[in-house]
PDB file of N, CA and C in Angstrom:
ATOM      1  N   UNK A   1      38.145 179.142-112.858  1.00  0.00           N
ATOM      2  CA  UNK A   1      39.069 180.012-112.166  1.00  0.00           C
ATOM      3  C   UNK A   1      39.877 180.838-113.158  1.00  0.00           C
ATOM      4  N   UNK A   2      40.322 180.192-114.240  1.00  0.00           N
ATOM      5  CA  UNK A   2      41.080 180.917-115.253  1.00  0.00           C
ATOM      6  C   UNK A   2      40.216 181.991-115.908  1.00  0.00           C
ATOM      7  N   UNK A   3      38.936 181.694-116.075  1.00  0.00           N
ATOM      8  CA  UNK A   3      38.023 182.659-116.694  1.00  0.00           C
ATOM      9  C   UNK A   3      37.894 183.909-115.817  1.00  0.00           C
ATOM     10  N   UNK A   4      37.755 183.718-114.505  1.00  0.00           N
ATOM     11  CA  UNK A   4      37.656 184.859-113.585  1.00  0.00           C
ATOM     12  C   UNK A   4      38.925 185.695-113.622  1.00  0.00           C
ATOM     13  N   UNK A   5      40.048 185.028-113.676  1.00  0.00           N
ATOM     14  CA  UNK A   5      41.326 185.733-113.730  1.00  0.00           C
ATOM     15  C   UNK A   5      41.442 186.523-115.031  1.00  0.00           C
ATOM     16  N   UNK A   6      41.017 185.927-116.134  1.00  0.00           N
ATOM     17  CA  UNK A   6      41.049 186.604-117.429  1.00  0.00           C
ATOM     18  C   UNK A   6      40.129 187.820-117.426  1.00  0.00           C
ATOM     19  N   UNK A   7      38.940 187.680-116.888  1.00  0.00           N
ATOM     20  CA  UNK A   7      37.997 188.804-116.810  1.00  0.00           C
ATOM     21  C   UNK A   7      38.577 189.915-115.939  1.00  0.00           C
ATOM     22  N   UNK A   8      39.158 189.560-114.809  1.00  0.00           N
ATOM     23  CA  UNK A   8      39.770 190.558-113.924  1.00  0.00           C
ATOM     24  C   UNK A   8      40.893 191.294-114.631  1.00  0.00           C
ATOM     25  N   UNK A   9      41.682 190.570-115.393  1.00  0.00           N
ATOM     26  CA  UNK A   9      42.781 191.181-116.132  1.00  0.00           C
ATOM     27  C   UNK A   9      42.257 192.147-117.190  1.00  0.00           C
ATOM     28  N   UNK A  10      41.231 191.765-117.917  1.00  0.00           N
ATOM     29  CA  UNK A  10      40.636 192.623-118.939  1.00  0.00           C
ATOM     30  C   UNK A  10      40.041 193.877-118.303  1.00  0.00           C
ATOM     31  N   UNK A  11      39.361 193.718-117.185  1.00  0.00           N
ATOM     32  CA  UNK A  11      38.788 194.866-116.478  1.00  0.00           C
ATOM     33  C   UNK A  11      39.893 195.809-116.019  1.00  0.00           C
ATOM     34  N   UNK A  12      40.956 195.256-115.475  1.00  0.00           N
ATOM     35  CA  UNK A  12      42.079 196.080-114.996  1.00  0.00           C
ATOM     36  C   UNK A  12      42.716 196.845-116.145  1.00  0.00           C
ATOM     37  N   UNK A  13      42.906 196.187-117.281  1.00  0.00           N
ATOM     38  CA  UNK A  13      43.477 196.874-118.442  1.00  0.00           C
ATOM     39  C   UNK A  13      42.566 197.987-118.941  1.00  0.00           C
ATOM     40  N   UNK A  14      41.282 197.724-118.955  1.00  0.00           N
ATOM     41  CA  UNK A  14      40.313 198.723-119.400  1.00  0.00           C
ATOM     42  C   UNK A  14      40.328 199.933-118.475  1.00  0.00           C
ATOM     43  N   UNK A  15      40.338 199.689-117.185  1.00  0.00           N
ATOM     44  CA  UNK A  15      40.361 200.794-116.224  1.00  0.00           C
ATOM     45  C   UNK A  15      41.661 201.575-116.298  1.00  0.00           C
ATOM     46  N   UNK A  16      42.767 200.885-116.531  1.00  0.00           N
ATOM     47  CA  UNK A  16      44.061 201.560-116.638  1.00  0.00           C
ATOM     48  C   UNK A  16      44.072 202.487-117.847  1.00  0.00           C
ATOM     49  N   UNK A  17      43.417 202.092-118.920  1.00  0.00           N
ATOM     50  CA  UNK A  17      43.352 202.935-120.110  1.00  0.00           C
ATOM     51  C   UNK A  17      42.588 204.220-119.830  1.00  0.00           C
ATOM     52  N   UNK A  18      41.755 204.222-118.817  1.00  0.00           N
ATOM     53  CA  UNK A  18      40.960 205.394-118.456  1.00  0.00           C
ATOM     54  C   UNK A  18      41.607 206.175-117.308  1.00  0.00           C
ATOM     55  N   UNK A  19      42.897 206.027-117.129  1.00  0.00           N
ATOM     56  CA  UNK A  19      43.589 206.658-116.006  1.00  0.00           C
ATOM     57  C   UNK A  19      43.454 208.176-116.063  1.00  0.00           C
ATOM     58  N   UNK A  20      43.263 208.752-114.890  1.00  0.00           N
ATOM     59  CA  UNK A  20      43.119 210.196-114.768  1.00  0.00           C
ATOM     60  C   UNK A  20      44.455 210.835-114.414  1.00  0.00           C
ATOM     61  N   UNK A  21      44.794 211.968-115.083  1.00  0.00           N
ATOM     62  CA  UNK A  21      46.010 212.678-114.693  1.00  0.00           C
ATOM     63  C   UNK A  21      45.847 213.267-113.291  1.00  0.00           C
ATOM     64  N   UNK A  22      46.822 213.012-112.426  1.00  0.00           N
ATOM     65  CA  UNK A  22      46.770 213.483-111.048  1.00  0.00           C
ATOM     66  C   UNK A  22      48.110 214.129-110.712  1.00  0.00           C
ATOM     67  N   UNK A  23      48.103 215.395-110.264  1.00  0.00           N
ATOM     68  CA  UNK A  23      49.370 216.014-109.857  1.00  0.00           C
ATOM     69  C   UNK A  23      49.942 215.319-108.626  1.00  0.00           C
ATOM     70  N   UNK A  24      51.220 215.021-108.662  1.00  0.00           N
ATOM     71  CA  UNK A  24      51.900 214.361-107.543  1.00  0.00           C
ATOM     72  C   UNK A  24      53.125 215.180-107.163  1.00  0.00           C
ATOM     73  N   UNK A  25      53.413 215.218-105.867  1.00  0.00           N
ATOM     74  CA  UNK A  25      54.595 215.907-105.366  1.00  0.00           C
ATOM     75  C   UNK A  25      55.669 214.902-104.985  1.00  0.00           C
ATOM     76  N   UNK A  26      56.913 215.271-105.243  1.00  0.00           N
ATOM     77  CA  UNK A  26      58.044 214.466-104.816  1.00  0.00           C
ATOM     78  C   UNK A  26      58.223 214.600-103.312  1.00  0.00           C
ATOM     79  N   UNK A  27      58.674 213.546-102.660  1.00  0.00           N
ATOM     80  CA  UNK A  27      58.992 213.606-101.240  1.00  0.00           C
ATOM     81  C   UNK A  27      60.293 212.833-100.994  1.00  0.00           C
ATOM     82  N   UNK A  28      61.022 213.241 -99.972  1.00  0.00           N
ATOM     83  CA  UNK A  28      62.297 212.610 -99.636  1.00  0.00           C
ATOM     84  C   UNK A  28      62.020 211.286 -98.925  1.00  0.00           C
ATOM     85  N   UNK A  29      62.642 210.225 -99.403  1.00  0.00           N
ATOM     86  CA  UNK A  29      62.485 208.914 -98.763  1.00  0.00           C
ATOM     87  C   UNK A  29      63.777 208.433 -98.104  1.00  0.00           C
ATOM     88  N   UNK A  30      64.907 209.009 -98.511  1.00  0.00           N
ATOM     89  CA  UNK A  30      66.175 208.584 -97.936  1.00  0.00           C
ATOM     90  C   UNK A  30      67.251 209.590 -98.324  1.00  0.00           C
ATOM     91  N   UNK A  31      68.349 209.545 -97.614  1.00  0.00           N
ATOM     92  CA  UNK A  31      69.469 210.407 -97.932  1.00  0.00           C
ATOM     93  C   UNK A  31      70.689 209.989 -97.148  1.00  0.00           C
ATOM     94  N   UNK A  32      71.862 210.296 -97.695  1.00  0.00           N
ATOM     95  CA  UNK A  32      73.105 209.965 -97.015  1.00  0.00           C
ATOM     96  C   UNK A  32      74.106 211.090 -97.237  1.00  0.00           C
ATOM     97  N   UNK A  33      74.428 211.792 -96.166  1.00  0.00           N
ATOM     98  CA  UNK A  33      75.440 212.840 -96.260  1.00  0.00           C
ATOM     99  C   UNK A  33      76.784 212.210 -96.617  1.00  0.00           C
ATOM    100  N   UNK A  34      77.063 211.046 -96.047  1.00  0.00           N
ATOM    101  CA  UNK A  34      78.321 210.339 -96.303  1.00  0.00           C
ATOM    102  C   UNK A  34      78.480 209.997 -97.788  1.00  0.00           C
ATOM    103  N   UNK A  35      77.416 209.502 -98.416  1.00  0.00           N
ATOM    104  CA  UNK A  35      77.465 209.137 -99.841  1.00  0.00           C
ATOM    105  C   UNK A  35      77.047 210.291-100.744  1.00  0.00           C
ATOM    106  N   UNK A  36      76.614 211.400-100.146  1.00  0.00           N
ATOM    107  CA  UNK A  36      76.177 212.598-100.879  1.00  0.00           C
ATOM    108  C   UNK A  36      75.059 212.269-101.860  1.00  0.00           C
ATOM    109  N   UNK A  37      74.048 211.530-101.363  1.00  0.00           N
ATOM    110  CA  UNK A  37      72.901 211.190-102.204  1.00  0.00           C
ATOM    111  C   UNK A  37      71.599 211.487-101.477  1.00  0.00           C
ATOM    112  N   UNK A  38      70.611 211.850-102.270  1.00  0.00           N
ATOM    113  CA  UNK A  38      69.254 212.066-101.766  1.00  0.00           C
ATOM    114  C   UNK A  38      68.314 211.284-102.670  1.00  0.00           C
ATOM    115  N   UNK A  39      67.398 210.552-102.043  1.00  0.00           N
ATOM    116  CA  UNK A  39      66.439 209.747-102.799  1.00  0.00           C
ATOM    117  C   UNK A  39      65.050 210.359-102.633  1.00  0.00           C
ATOM    118  N   UNK A  40      64.432 210.701-103.761  1.00  0.00           N
ATOM    119  CA  UNK A  40      63.081 211.260-103.781  1.00  0.00           C
ATOM    120  C   UNK A  40      62.141 210.271-104.442  1.00  0.00           C
ATOM    121  N   UNK A  41      60.838 210.400-104.127  1.00  0.00           N
ATOM    122  CA  UNK A  41      59.861 209.479-104.701  1.00  0.00           C
ATOM    123  C   UNK A  41      58.492 210.136-104.813  1.00  0.00           C
ATOM    124  N   UNK A  42      57.632 209.502-105.606  1.00  0.00           N
ATOM    125  CA  UNK A  42      56.206 209.815-105.644  1.00  0.00           C
ATOM    126  C   UNK A  42      55.470 208.511-105.901  1.00  0.00           C
ATOM    127  N   UNK A  43      54.215 208.452-105.467  1.00  0.00           N
ATOM    128  CA  UNK A  43      53.400 207.251-105.630  1.00  0.00           C
ATOM    129  C   UNK A  43      52.319 207.481-106.666  1.00  0.00           C
ATOM    130  N   UNK A  44      52.028 206.432-107.428  1.00  0.00           N
ATOM    131  CA  UNK A  44      50.992 206.490-108.463  1.00  0.00           C
ATOM    132  C   UNK A  44      50.051 205.303-108.274  1.00  0.00           C
ATOM    133  N   UNK A  45      48.755 205.595-108.137  1.00  0.00           N
ATOM    134  CA  UNK A  45      47.753 204.553-107.968  1.00  0.00           C
ATOM    135  C   UNK A  45      47.394 203.887-109.282  1.00  0.00           C
ATOM    136  N   UNK A  46      46.649 202.812-109.196  1.00  0.00           N
ATOM    137  CA  UNK A  46      46.277 202.011-110.359  1.00  0.00           C
ATOM    138  C   UNK A  46      45.548 202.819-111.422  1.00  0.00           C
ATOM    139  N   UNK A  47      44.621 203.653-111.023  1.00  0.00           N
ATOM    140  CA  UNK A  47      43.828 204.413-111.996  1.00  0.00           C
ATOM    141  C   UNK A  47      44.315 205.852-112.131  1.00  0.00           C
ATOM    142  N   UNK A  48      45.573 206.067-111.857  1.00  0.00           N
ATOM    143  CA  UNK A  48      46.139 207.402-111.933  1.00  0.00           C
ATOM    144  C   UNK A  48      47.237 207.472-112.984  1.00  0.00           C
ATOM    145  N   UNK A  49      47.361 208.649-113.540  1.00  0.00           N
ATOM    146  CA  UNK A  49      48.490 208.961-114.405  1.00  0.00           C
ATOM    147  C   UNK A  49      49.173 210.149-113.739  1.00  0.00           C
ATOM    148  N   UNK A  50      50.258 209.893-113.044  1.00  0.00           N
ATOM    149  CA  UNK A  50      50.921 210.936-112.260  1.00  0.00           C
ATOM    150  C   UNK A  50      51.478 212.028-113.158  1.00  0.00           C
ATOM    151  N   UNK A  51      51.279 213.259-112.713  1.00  0.00           N
ATOM    152  CA  UNK A  51      51.867 214.425-113.368  1.00  0.00           C
ATOM    153  C   UNK A  51      52.835 215.010-112.346  1.00  0.00           C
ATOM    154  N   UNK A  52      54.135 214.927-112.645  1.00  0.00           N
ATOM    155  CA  UNK A  52      55.149 215.389-111.699  1.00  0.00           C
ATOM    156  C   UNK A  52      55.975 216.506-112.319  1.00  0.00           C
ATOM    157  N   UNK A  53      56.510 217.336-111.448  1.00  0.00           N
ATOM    158  CA  UNK A  53      57.349 218.448-111.863  1.00  0.00           C
ATOM    159  C   UNK A  53      58.798 218.072-111.579  1.00  0.00           C
ATOM    160  N   UNK A  54      59.561 217.805-112.629  1.00  0.00           N
ATOM    161  CA  UNK A  54      60.960 217.408-112.468  1.00  0.00           C
ATOM    162  C   UNK A  54      61.785 218.537-111.855  1.00  0.00           C
ATOM    163  N   UNK A  55      61.415 219.784-112.135  1.00  0.00           N
ATOM    164  CA  UNK A  55      62.126 220.927-111.556  1.00  0.00           C
ATOM    165  C   UNK A  55      61.920 220.974-110.039  1.00  0.00           C
ATOM    166  N   UNK A  56      60.716 220.615-109.589  1.00  0.00           N
ATOM    167  CA  UNK A  56      60.431 220.553-108.157  1.00  0.00           C
ATOM    168  C   UNK A  56      61.344 219.523-107.489  1.00  0.00           C
ATOM    169  N   UNK A  57      61.515 218.376-108.135  1.00  0.00           N
ATOM    170  CA  UNK A  57      62.374 217.331-107.589  1.00  0.00           C
ATOM    171  C   UNK A  57      63.817 217.820-107.496  1.00  0.00           C
ATOM    172  N   UNK A  58      64.303 218.448-108.556  1.00  0.00           N
ATOM    173  CA  UNK A  58      65.673 218.953-108.558  1.00  0.00           C
ATOM    174  C   UNK A  58      65.859 220.015-107.474  1.00  0.00           C
ATOM    175  N   UNK A  59      64.897 220.906-107.331  1.00  0.00           N
ATOM    176  CA  UNK A  59      64.951 221.963-106.321  1.00  0.00           C
ATOM    177  C   UNK A  59      65.001 221.354-104.915  1.00  0.00           C
ATOM    178  N   UNK A  60      64.169 220.340-104.667  1.00  0.00           N
ATOM    179  CA  UNK A  60      64.146 219.662-103.373  1.00  0.00           C
ATOM    180  C   UNK A  60      65.495 218.996-103.089  1.00  0.00           C
ATOM    181  N   UNK A  61      66.047 218.320-104.092  1.00  0.00           N
ATOM    182  CA  UNK A  61      67.343 217.665-103.923  1.00  0.00           C
ATOM    183  C   UNK A  61      68.454 218.697-103.701  1.00  0.00           C
ATOM    184  N   UNK A  62      68.426 219.781-104.456  1.00  0.00           N
ATOM    185  CA  UNK A  62      69.439 220.828-104.287  1.00  0.00           C
ATOM    186  C   UNK A  62      69.403 221.413-102.881  1.00  0.00           C
ATOM    187  N   UNK A  63      68.215 221.653-102.354  1.00  0.00           N
ATOM    188  CA  UNK A  63      68.089 222.192-100.999  1.00  0.00           C
ATOM    189  C   UNK A  63      68.660 221.231 -99.959  1.00  0.00           C
ATOM    190  N   UNK A  64      68.391 219.947-100.130  1.00  0.00           N
ATOM    191  CA  UNK A  64      68.953 218.959 -99.215  1.00  0.00           C
ATOM    192  C   UNK A  64      70.465 218.916 -99.296  1.00  0.00           C
ATOM    193  N   UNK A  65      70.996 218.982-100.503  1.00  0.00           N
ATOM    194  CA  UNK A  65      72.449 218.961-100.688  1.00  0.00           C
ATOM    195  C   UNK A  65      73.096 220.222-100.110  1.00  0.00           C
ATOM    196  N   UNK A  66      72.458 221.356-100.316  1.00  0.00           N
ATOM    197  CA  UNK A  66      72.992 222.617 -99.778  1.00  0.00           C
ATOM    198  C   UNK A  66      73.022 222.589 -98.258  1.00  0.00           C
ATOM    199  N   UNK A  67      72.047 221.950 -97.634  1.00  0.00           N
ATOM    200  CA  UNK A  67      72.022 221.830 -96.173  1.00  0.00           C
ATOM    201  C   UNK A  67      73.219 221.024 -95.673  1.00  0.00           C
ATOM    202  N   UNK A  68      73.777 220.157 -96.506  1.00  0.00           N
ATOM    203  CA  UNK A  68      74.948 219.365 -96.155  1.00  0.00           C
ATOM    204  C   UNK A  68      76.253 220.018 -96.594  1.00  0.00           C
ATOM    205  N   UNK A  69      76.165 221.214 -97.199  1.00  0.00           N
ATOM    206  CA  UNK A  69      77.375 221.921 -97.612  1.00  0.00           C
ATOM    207  C   UNK A  69      77.759 221.741 -99.071  1.00  0.00           C
ATOM    208  N   UNK A  70      76.944 221.058 -99.849  1.00  0.00           N
ATOM    209  CA  UNK A  70      77.212 220.901-101.275  1.00  0.00           C
ATOM    210  C   UNK A  70      76.559 222.043-102.039  1.00  0.00           C
ATOM    211  N   UNK A  71      77.002 222.257-103.275  1.00  0.00           N
ATOM    212  CA  UNK A  71      76.489 223.387-104.055  1.00  0.00           C
ATOM    213  C   UNK A  71      75.320 223.029-104.966  1.00  0.00           C
ATOM    214  N   UNK A  72      75.236 221.784-105.381  1.00  0.00           N
ATOM    215  CA  UNK A  72      74.226 221.431-106.383  1.00  0.00           C
ATOM    216  C   UNK A  72      73.847 219.954-106.264  1.00  0.00           C
ATOM    217  N   UNK A  73      72.956 219.529-107.157  1.00  0.00           N
ATOM    218  CA  UNK A  73      72.540 218.123-107.229  1.00  0.00           C
ATOM    219  C   UNK A  73      72.253 217.772-108.676  1.00  0.00           C
ATOM    220  N   UNK A  74      72.460 216.514-109.010  1.00  0.00           N
ATOM    221  CA  UNK A  74      72.103 216.044-110.352  1.00  0.00           C
ATOM    222  C   UNK A  74      71.488 214.657-110.243  1.00  0.00           C
ATOM    223  N   UNK A  75      70.518 214.393-111.119  1.00  0.00           N
ATOM    224  CA  UNK A  75      69.842 213.102-111.070  1.00  0.00           C
ATOM    225  C   UNK A  75      70.744 212.008-111.623  1.00  0.00           C
ATOM    226  N   UNK A  76      70.584 210.826-111.073  1.00  0.00           N
ATOM    227  CA  UNK A  76      71.335 209.665-111.533  1.00  0.00           C
ATOM    228  C   UNK A  76      70.380 208.734-112.271  1.00  0.00           C
ATOM    229  N   UNK A  77      70.334 208.844-113.571  1.00  0.00           N
ATOM    230  CA  UNK A  77      69.485 207.980-114.388  1.00  0.00           C
ATOM    231  C   UNK A  77      68.017 208.343-114.307  1.00  0.00           C
ATOM    232  N   UNK A  78      67.186 207.426-114.757  1.00  0.00           N
ATOM    233  CA  UNK A  78      65.733 207.615-114.785  1.00  0.00           C
ATOM    234  C   UNK A  78      65.123 207.087-113.485  1.00  0.00           C
ATOM    235  N   UNK A  79      63.929 207.566-113.130  1.00  0.00           N
ATOM    236  CA  UNK A  79      63.267 207.045-111.928  1.00  0.00           C
ATOM    237  C   UNK A  79      63.039 205.528-112.023  1.00  0.00           C
ATOM    238  N   UNK A  80      63.210 204.852-110.908  1.00  0.00           N
ATOM    239  CA  UNK A  80      62.978 203.411-110.845  1.00  0.00           C
ATOM    240  C   UNK A  80      61.573 203.148-110.321  1.00  0.00           C
ATOM    241  N   UNK A  81      60.863 202.242-110.965  1.00  0.00           N
ATOM    242  CA  UNK A  81      59.498 201.899-110.557  1.00  0.00           C
ATOM    243  C   UNK A  81      59.509 200.600-109.752  1.00  0.00           C
ATOM    244  N   UNK A  82      58.745 200.602-108.656  1.00  0.00           N
ATOM    245  CA  UNK A  82      58.618 199.404-107.833  1.00  0.00           C
ATOM    246  C   UNK A  82      57.199 199.343-107.281  1.00  0.00           C
ATOM    247  N   UNK A  83      56.621 198.171-107.301  1.00  0.00           N
ATOM    248  CA  UNK A  83      55.273 198.009-106.777  1.00  0.00           C
ATOM    249  C   UNK A  83      55.282 198.289-105.270  1.00  0.00           C
ATOM    250  N   UNK A  84      54.419 199.209-104.850  1.00  0.00           N
ATOM    251  CA  UNK A  84      54.356 199.581-103.441  1.00  0.00           C
ATOM    252  C   UNK A  84      53.208 198.884-102.719  1.00  0.00           C
ATOM    253  N   UNK A  85      52.196 198.478-103.482  1.00  0.00           N
ATOM    254  CA  UNK A  85      51.030 197.824-102.877  1.00  0.00           C
ATOM    255  C   UNK A  85      50.420 196.850-103.873  1.00  0.00           C
ATOM    256  N   UNK A  86      50.182 195.625-103.425  1.00  0.00           N
ATOM    257  CA  UNK A  86      49.606 194.596-104.295  1.00  0.00           C
ATOM    258  C   UNK A  86      48.234 194.179-103.816  1.00  0.00           C
ATOM    259  N   UNK A  87      47.412 193.780-104.793  1.00  0.00           N
ATOM    260  CA  UNK A  87      46.092 193.223-104.537  1.00  0.00           C
ATOM    261  C   UNK A  87      46.100 191.804-105.096  1.00  0.00           C
ATOM    262  N   UNK A  88      45.462 190.875-104.404  1.00  0.00           N
ATOM    263  CA  UNK A  88      45.459 189.483-104.861  1.00  0.00           C
ATOM    264  C   UNK A  88      44.835 189.328-106.240  1.00  0.00           C
ATOM    265  N   UNK A  89      43.817 190.114-106.516  1.00  0.00           N
ATOM    266  CA  UNK A  89      43.097 189.985-107.775  1.00  0.00           C
ATOM    267  C   UNK A  89      43.677 190.864-108.880  1.00  0.00           C
ATOM    268  N   UNK A  90      43.992 192.122-108.572  1.00  0.00           N
ATOM    269  CA  UNK A  90      44.423 193.078-109.599  1.00  0.00           C
ATOM    270  C   UNK A  90      45.931 193.181-109.755  1.00  0.00           C
ATOM    271  N   UNK A  91      46.669 192.602-108.846  1.00  0.00           N
ATOM    272  CA  UNK A  91      48.128 192.724-108.920  1.00  0.00           C
ATOM    273  C   UNK A  91      48.579 194.028-108.280  1.00  0.00           C
ATOM    274  N   UNK A  92      49.498 194.711-108.928  1.00  0.00           N
ATOM    275  CA  UNK A  92      50.052 195.946-108.371  1.00  0.00           C
ATOM    276  C   UNK A  92      49.026 197.075-108.490  1.00  0.00           C
ATOM    277  N   UNK A  93      48.652 197.670-107.363  1.00  0.00           N
ATOM    278  CA  UNK A  93      47.659 198.740-107.387  1.00  0.00           C
ATOM    279  C   UNK A  93      48.268 200.097-107.017  1.00  0.00           C
ATOM    280  N   UNK A  94      49.539 200.104-106.626  1.00  0.00           N
ATOM    281  CA  UNK A  94      50.231 201.356-106.334  1.00  0.00           C
ATOM    282  C   UNK A  94      51.710 201.177-106.656  1.00  0.00           C
ATOM    283  N   UNK A  95      52.237 202.092-107.446  1.00  0.00           N
ATOM    284  CA  UNK A  95      53.631 202.034-107.854  1.00  0.00           C
ATOM    285  C   UNK A  95      54.380 203.224-107.276  1.00  0.00           C
ATOM    286  N   UNK A  96      55.558 202.982-106.721  1.00  0.00           N
ATOM    287  CA  UNK A  96      56.407 204.061-106.223  1.00  0.00           C
ATOM    288  C   UNK A  96      57.546 204.269-107.216  1.00  0.00           C
ATOM    289  N   UNK A  97      57.691 205.517-107.656  1.00  0.00           N
ATOM    290  CA  UNK A  97      58.772 205.907-108.546  1.00  0.00           C
ATOM    291  C   UNK A  97      59.819 206.628-107.721  1.00  0.00           C
ATOM    292  N   UNK A  98      61.057 206.146-107.777  1.00  0.00           N
ATOM    293  CA  UNK A  98      62.132 206.679-106.959  1.00  0.00           C
ATOM    294  C   UNK A  98      63.241 207.216-107.844  1.00  0.00           C
ATOM    295  N   UNK A  99      63.730 208.401-107.502  1.00  0.00           N
ATOM    296  CA  UNK A  99      64.819 209.047-108.234  1.00  0.00           C
ATOM    297  C   UNK A  99      65.946 209.359-107.251  1.00  0.00           C
ATOM    298  N   UNK A 100      67.165 208.992-107.617  1.00  0.00           N
ATOM    299  CA  UNK A 100      68.331 209.276-106.782  1.00  0.00           C
ATOM    300  C   UNK A 100      69.061 210.493-107.345  1.00  0.00           C
ATOM    301  N   UNK A 101      69.441 211.390-106.453  1.00  0.00           N
ATOM    302  CA  UNK A 101      70.205 212.579-106.814  1.00  0.00           C
ATOM    303  C   UNK A 101      71.564 212.536-106.121  1.00  0.00           C
ATOM    304  N   UNK A 102      72.595 212.905-106.866  1.00  0.00           N
ATOM    305  CA  UNK A 102      73.953 212.993-106.337  1.00  0.00           C
ATOM    306  C   UNK A 102      74.252 214.448-106.021  1.00  0.00           C
ATOM    307  N   UNK A 103      74.734 214.706-104.821  1.00  0.00           N
ATOM    308  CA  UNK A 103      75.155 216.064-104.456  1.00  0.00           C
ATOM    309  C   UNK A 103      76.513 216.344-105.093  1.00  0.00           C
ATOM    310  N   UNK A 104      76.666 217.551-105.626  1.00  0.00           N
ATOM    311  CA  UNK A 104      77.912 217.920-106.307  1.00  0.00           C
ATOM    312  C   UNK A 104      78.396 219.294-105.842  1.00  0.00           C
ATOM    313  N   UNK A 105      79.645 219.579-106.138  1.00  0.00           N
ATOM    314  CA  UNK A 105      80.209 220.898-105.828  1.00  0.00           C
ATOM    315  C   UNK A 105      80.569 221.673-107.050  1.00  0.00           C
TER     316      UNK A 105
END
């Protein structure tokens, strides 16, 4: 059993090294007018290397903030990674990266 797990791990690492760059778009996952925050995210699959446009994310957040009466938005720290989908054999096969933006005036 340990041998199968080791082989699966080696295969997964090998495949991850061959990850293909894939353009990904940010999408809104949450927001709070009361807290003046907008949360954006993108998903990255196991064999993918996401290519994202940070300016697109900022533009999307700014538009959401402007709809609430704010003038601008700024990111709060770096995107947080969380496993979005797990496989029993390979482990995490899809990761969601989430970025929080603060609306400002």
